[in-house]
C-alpha cells in the first residue's frame, strides 16, 4: 500500500516513480492511493494497471460509475 507516494516529489520525477512501482508490481500486489493525475497517467504508461476512481458525494465516498445496486466494477486479479 502506497499512500500518496508523489508527496514532496518534483513532477518530473513521477515517470521514474511510476517505473519503480511498476517494477515492484511484477513481484507483488501494489495498491497506490493518489490524488495526482500525472502519476496515474505515468502508471498507466509504465504498466497494465487497474484504476478505481472515487468521488465524494454529500460526504459519502463512492466509486465513479457504480450505481447504488451495482456490484463493484473491479475484482482482485489472480496472483
N, C-alpha and C. Protein backbone atom coordinates (compact mmCIF):
# COMPACT_ATOMS: atom_id res chain seq x y z
N UNK A 1 0.85 -1.15 0.00
CA UNK A 1 0.00 0.00 0.00
C UNK A 1 0.91 1.22 0.00
N UNK A 2 0.72 2.05 -0.99
CA UNK A 2 1.46 3.32 -1.08
C UNK A 2 0.43 4.45 -1.01
N UNK A 3 0.51 5.25 0.00
CA UNK A 3 -0.42 6.35 0.19
C UNK A 3 0.22 7.66 -0.26
N UNK A 4 -0.21 8.17 -1.38
CA UNK A 4 0.28 9.41 -1.97
C UNK A 4 1.81 9.44 -2.04
N UNK A 5 2.40 8.49 -2.77
CA UNK A 5 3.87 8.44 -2.83
C UNK A 5 4.49 9.62 -3.55
N UNK A 6 3.68 10.41 -4.26
CA UNK A 6 4.20 11.55 -5.00
C UNK A 6 4.43 12.78 -4.12
N UNK A 7 4.00 12.71 -2.87
CA UNK A 7 4.13 13.85 -1.98
C UNK A 7 5.58 14.29 -1.88
N UNK A 8 5.81 15.56 -2.03
CA UNK A 8 7.13 16.20 -1.92
C UNK A 8 8.07 15.87 -3.08
N UNK A 9 7.57 15.21 -4.13
CA UNK A 9 8.42 14.94 -5.29
C UNK A 9 8.18 15.99 -6.37
N UNK A 10 9.22 16.33 -7.09
CA UNK A 10 9.08 17.21 -8.24
C UNK A 10 8.30 16.45 -9.31
N UNK A 11 7.37 17.14 -10.02
CA UNK A 11 6.55 16.46 -11.03
C UNK A 11 7.35 15.71 -12.10
N UNK A 12 8.56 16.16 -12.39
CA UNK A 12 9.37 15.47 -13.40
C UNK A 12 9.83 14.09 -12.94
N UNK A 13 9.74 13.81 -11.63
CA UNK A 13 10.15 12.51 -11.10
C UNK A 13 9.03 11.47 -11.14
N UNK A 14 7.82 11.88 -11.49
CA UNK A 14 6.69 10.95 -11.46
C UNK A 14 6.84 9.78 -12.42
N UNK A 15 7.36 9.97 -13.65
CA UNK A 15 7.57 8.79 -14.50
C UNK A 15 8.56 7.78 -13.90
N UNK A 16 9.61 8.27 -13.25
CA UNK A 16 10.56 7.36 -12.60
C UNK A 16 9.90 6.64 -11.43
N UNK A 17 9.10 7.35 -10.66
CA UNK A 17 8.35 6.73 -9.56
C UNK A 17 7.41 5.66 -10.10
N UNK A 18 6.71 5.97 -11.18
CA UNK A 18 5.79 5.01 -11.79
C UNK A 18 6.54 3.77 -12.26
N UNK A 19 7.72 3.94 -12.83
CA UNK A 19 8.52 2.80 -13.29
C UNK A 19 8.94 1.93 -12.10
N UNK A 20 9.31 2.54 -10.98
CA UNK A 20 9.68 1.77 -9.79
C UNK A 20 8.48 1.00 -9.24
N UNK A 21 7.33 1.65 -9.22
CA UNK A 21 6.12 0.99 -8.74
C UNK A 21 5.75 -0.17 -9.66
N UNK A 22 5.83 0.06 -10.98
CA UNK A 22 5.52 -0.99 -11.95
C UNK A 22 6.46 -2.18 -11.79
N UNK A 23 7.73 -1.91 -11.55
CA UNK A 23 8.70 -2.99 -11.33
C UNK A 23 8.37 -3.79 -10.08
N UNK A 24 8.01 -3.10 -9.01
CA UNK A 24 7.64 -3.80 -7.77
C UNK A 24 6.36 -4.60 -7.97
N UNK A 25 5.45 -4.11 -8.81
CA UNK A 25 4.17 -4.79 -9.03
C UNK A 25 4.35 -6.09 -9.80
N UNK A 26 5.49 -6.28 -10.45
CA UNK A 26 5.75 -7.55 -11.13
C UNK A 26 6.01 -8.67 -10.13
N UNK A 27 6.39 -8.30 -8.90
CA UNK A 27 6.73 -9.29 -7.88
C UNK A 27 5.71 -9.37 -6.74
N UNK A 28 4.82 -8.38 -6.66
CA UNK A 28 3.82 -8.38 -5.60
C UNK A 28 2.65 -7.48 -6.00
N UNK A 29 1.61 -7.54 -5.21
CA UNK A 29 0.44 -6.70 -5.49
C UNK A 29 0.66 -5.34 -4.83
N UNK A 30 0.45 -4.29 -5.60
CA UNK A 30 0.66 -2.92 -5.12
C UNK A 30 -0.65 -2.17 -5.23
N UNK A 31 -1.00 -1.46 -4.16
CA UNK A 31 -2.16 -0.57 -4.17
C UNK A 31 -1.62 0.83 -3.95
N UNK A 32 -1.95 1.74 -4.87
CA UNK A 32 -1.49 3.12 -4.79
C UNK A 32 -2.70 4.02 -4.59
N UNK A 33 -2.65 4.86 -3.58
CA UNK A 33 -3.68 5.86 -3.35
C UNK A 33 -3.06 7.21 -3.69
N UNK A 34 -3.69 7.92 -4.63
CA UNK A 34 -3.11 9.19 -5.06
C UNK A 34 -4.19 10.16 -5.50
N UNK A 35 -3.87 11.43 -5.42
CA UNK A 35 -4.71 12.49 -5.97
C UNK A 35 -4.07 13.04 -7.24
N UNK A 36 -2.92 12.50 -7.61
CA UNK A 36 -2.12 13.02 -8.71
C UNK A 36 -2.50 12.39 -10.05
N UNK A 37 -3.17 13.15 -10.89
CA UNK A 37 -3.50 12.66 -12.24
C UNK A 37 -2.23 12.36 -13.05
N UNK A 38 -1.17 13.19 -12.94
CA UNK A 38 0.06 12.85 -13.68
C UNK A 38 0.66 11.51 -13.24
N UNK A 39 0.58 11.17 -11.95
CA UNK A 39 1.09 9.87 -11.51
C UNK A 39 0.24 8.74 -12.07
N UNK A 40 -1.07 8.90 -12.07
CA UNK A 40 -1.95 7.88 -12.65
C UNK A 40 -1.61 7.68 -14.12
N UNK A 41 -1.42 8.77 -14.85
CA UNK A 41 -1.08 8.67 -16.28
C UNK A 41 0.26 7.96 -16.47
N UNK A 42 1.24 8.30 -15.63
CA UNK A 42 2.56 7.67 -15.74
C UNK A 42 2.48 6.18 -15.40
N UNK A 43 1.67 5.81 -14.42
CA UNK A 43 1.49 4.39 -14.09
C UNK A 43 0.83 3.64 -15.23
N UNK A 44 -0.15 4.27 -15.87
CA UNK A 44 -0.83 3.62 -16.99
C UNK A 44 0.11 3.43 -18.17
N UNK A 45 1.06 4.33 -18.35
CA UNK A 45 2.05 4.18 -19.42
C UNK A 45 3.10 3.12 -19.07
N UNK A 46 3.42 3.00 -17.78
CA UNK A 46 4.50 2.11 -17.36
C UNK A 46 4.07 0.65 -17.26
N UNK A 47 2.78 0.41 -17.02
CA UNK A 47 2.36 -0.99 -16.83
C UNK A 47 0.85 -1.12 -17.04
N UNK A 48 0.40 -2.35 -16.97
CA UNK A 48 -1.03 -2.64 -17.08
C UNK A 48 -1.62 -2.47 -15.69
N UNK A 49 -2.31 -1.36 -15.47
CA UNK A 49 -2.86 -1.07 -14.15
C UNK A 49 -4.38 -1.04 -14.20
N UNK A 50 -4.97 -1.26 -13.07
CA UNK A 50 -6.41 -1.17 -12.93
C UNK A 50 -6.69 -0.01 -12.00
N UNK A 51 -7.52 0.92 -12.44
CA UNK A 51 -7.81 2.09 -11.61
C UNK A 51 -9.24 2.04 -11.12
N UNK A 52 -9.42 2.49 -9.90
CA UNK A 52 -10.73 2.69 -9.30
C UNK A 52 -10.76 4.15 -8.88
N UNK A 53 -11.66 4.90 -9.49
CA UNK A 53 -11.74 6.33 -9.17
C UNK A 53 -12.88 6.57 -8.20
N UNK A 54 -12.57 7.35 -7.18
CA UNK A 54 -13.54 7.65 -6.14
C UNK A 54 -13.96 9.11 -6.20
N UNK A 55 -15.14 9.38 -5.68
CA UNK A 55 -15.63 10.75 -5.57
C UNK A 55 -16.36 10.87 -4.24
N UNK A 56 -16.51 12.07 -3.78
CA UNK A 56 -17.25 12.30 -2.54
C UNK A 56 -18.55 13.01 -2.88
N UNK A 57 -19.68 12.40 -2.53
CA UNK A 57 -20.99 12.96 -2.78
C UNK A 57 -21.74 13.07 -1.46
N UNK A 58 -22.06 14.29 -1.08
CA UNK A 58 -22.79 14.53 0.17
C UNK A 58 -22.09 13.87 1.36
N UNK A 59 -20.76 13.97 1.38
CA UNK A 59 -19.99 13.42 2.48
C UNK A 59 -19.72 11.93 2.41
N UNK A 60 -20.21 11.26 1.36
CA UNK A 60 -20.04 9.82 1.20
C UNK A 60 -19.08 9.52 0.06
N UNK A 61 -18.09 8.68 0.31
CA UNK A 61 -17.16 8.27 -0.74
C UNK A 61 -17.82 7.20 -1.59
N UNK A 62 -17.80 7.42 -2.92
CA UNK A 62 -18.44 6.50 -3.85
C UNK A 62 -17.47 6.17 -4.98
N UNK A 63 -17.68 5.01 -5.61
CA UNK A 63 -16.90 4.62 -6.78
C UNK A 63 -17.56 5.22 -8.00
N UNK A 64 -16.79 5.96 -8.79
CA UNK A 64 -17.32 6.58 -10.01
C UNK A 64 -17.77 5.49 -10.96
N UNK A 65 -19.00 5.62 -11.47
CA UNK A 65 -19.54 4.66 -12.43
C UNK A 65 -20.31 3.52 -11.80
N UNK A 66 -20.37 3.48 -10.48
CA UNK A 66 -21.09 2.40 -9.81
C UNK A 66 -22.43 2.92 -9.30
N UNK A 67 -23.51 2.26 -9.73
CA UNK A 67 -24.84 2.62 -9.27
C UNK A 67 -25.09 2.09 -7.87
N UNK A 68 -26.17 2.51 -7.28
CA UNK A 68 -26.50 2.15 -5.91
C UNK A 68 -26.60 0.64 -5.70
N UNK A 69 -27.14 -0.08 -6.67
CA UNK A 69 -27.32 -1.53 -6.52
C UNK A 69 -26.33 -2.36 -7.34
N UNK A 70 -25.37 -1.70 -7.98
CA UNK A 70 -24.37 -2.41 -8.78
C UNK A 70 -23.32 -3.05 -7.88
N UNK A 71 -22.74 -4.13 -8.40
CA UNK A 71 -21.56 -4.69 -7.74
C UNK A 71 -20.39 -3.79 -8.06
N UNK A 72 -19.34 -3.83 -7.26
CA UNK A 72 -18.16 -3.01 -7.59
C UNK A 72 -17.65 -3.35 -8.99
N UNK A 73 -17.22 -2.35 -9.77
CA UNK A 73 -16.74 -2.61 -11.14
C UNK A 73 -15.30 -3.10 -11.16
N UNK A 74 -14.82 -3.75 -10.11
CA UNK A 74 -13.44 -4.24 -10.05
C UNK A 74 -13.42 -5.59 -9.35
N UNK A 75 -12.32 -6.27 -9.48
CA UNK A 75 -12.09 -7.52 -8.80
C UNK A 75 -10.60 -7.65 -8.51
N UNK A 76 -10.27 -8.46 -7.53
CA UNK A 76 -8.86 -8.68 -7.25
C UNK A 76 -8.31 -9.59 -8.32
N UNK A 77 -7.27 -9.16 -9.01
CA UNK A 77 -6.70 -10.01 -10.06
C UNK A 77 -6.01 -11.22 -9.46
N UNK A 78 -5.95 -12.31 -10.21
CA UNK A 78 -5.25 -13.50 -9.69
C UNK A 78 -3.76 -13.26 -9.59
N UNK A 79 -3.16 -13.87 -8.64
CA UNK A 79 -1.71 -13.76 -8.45
C UNK A 79 -1.10 -15.12 -8.43
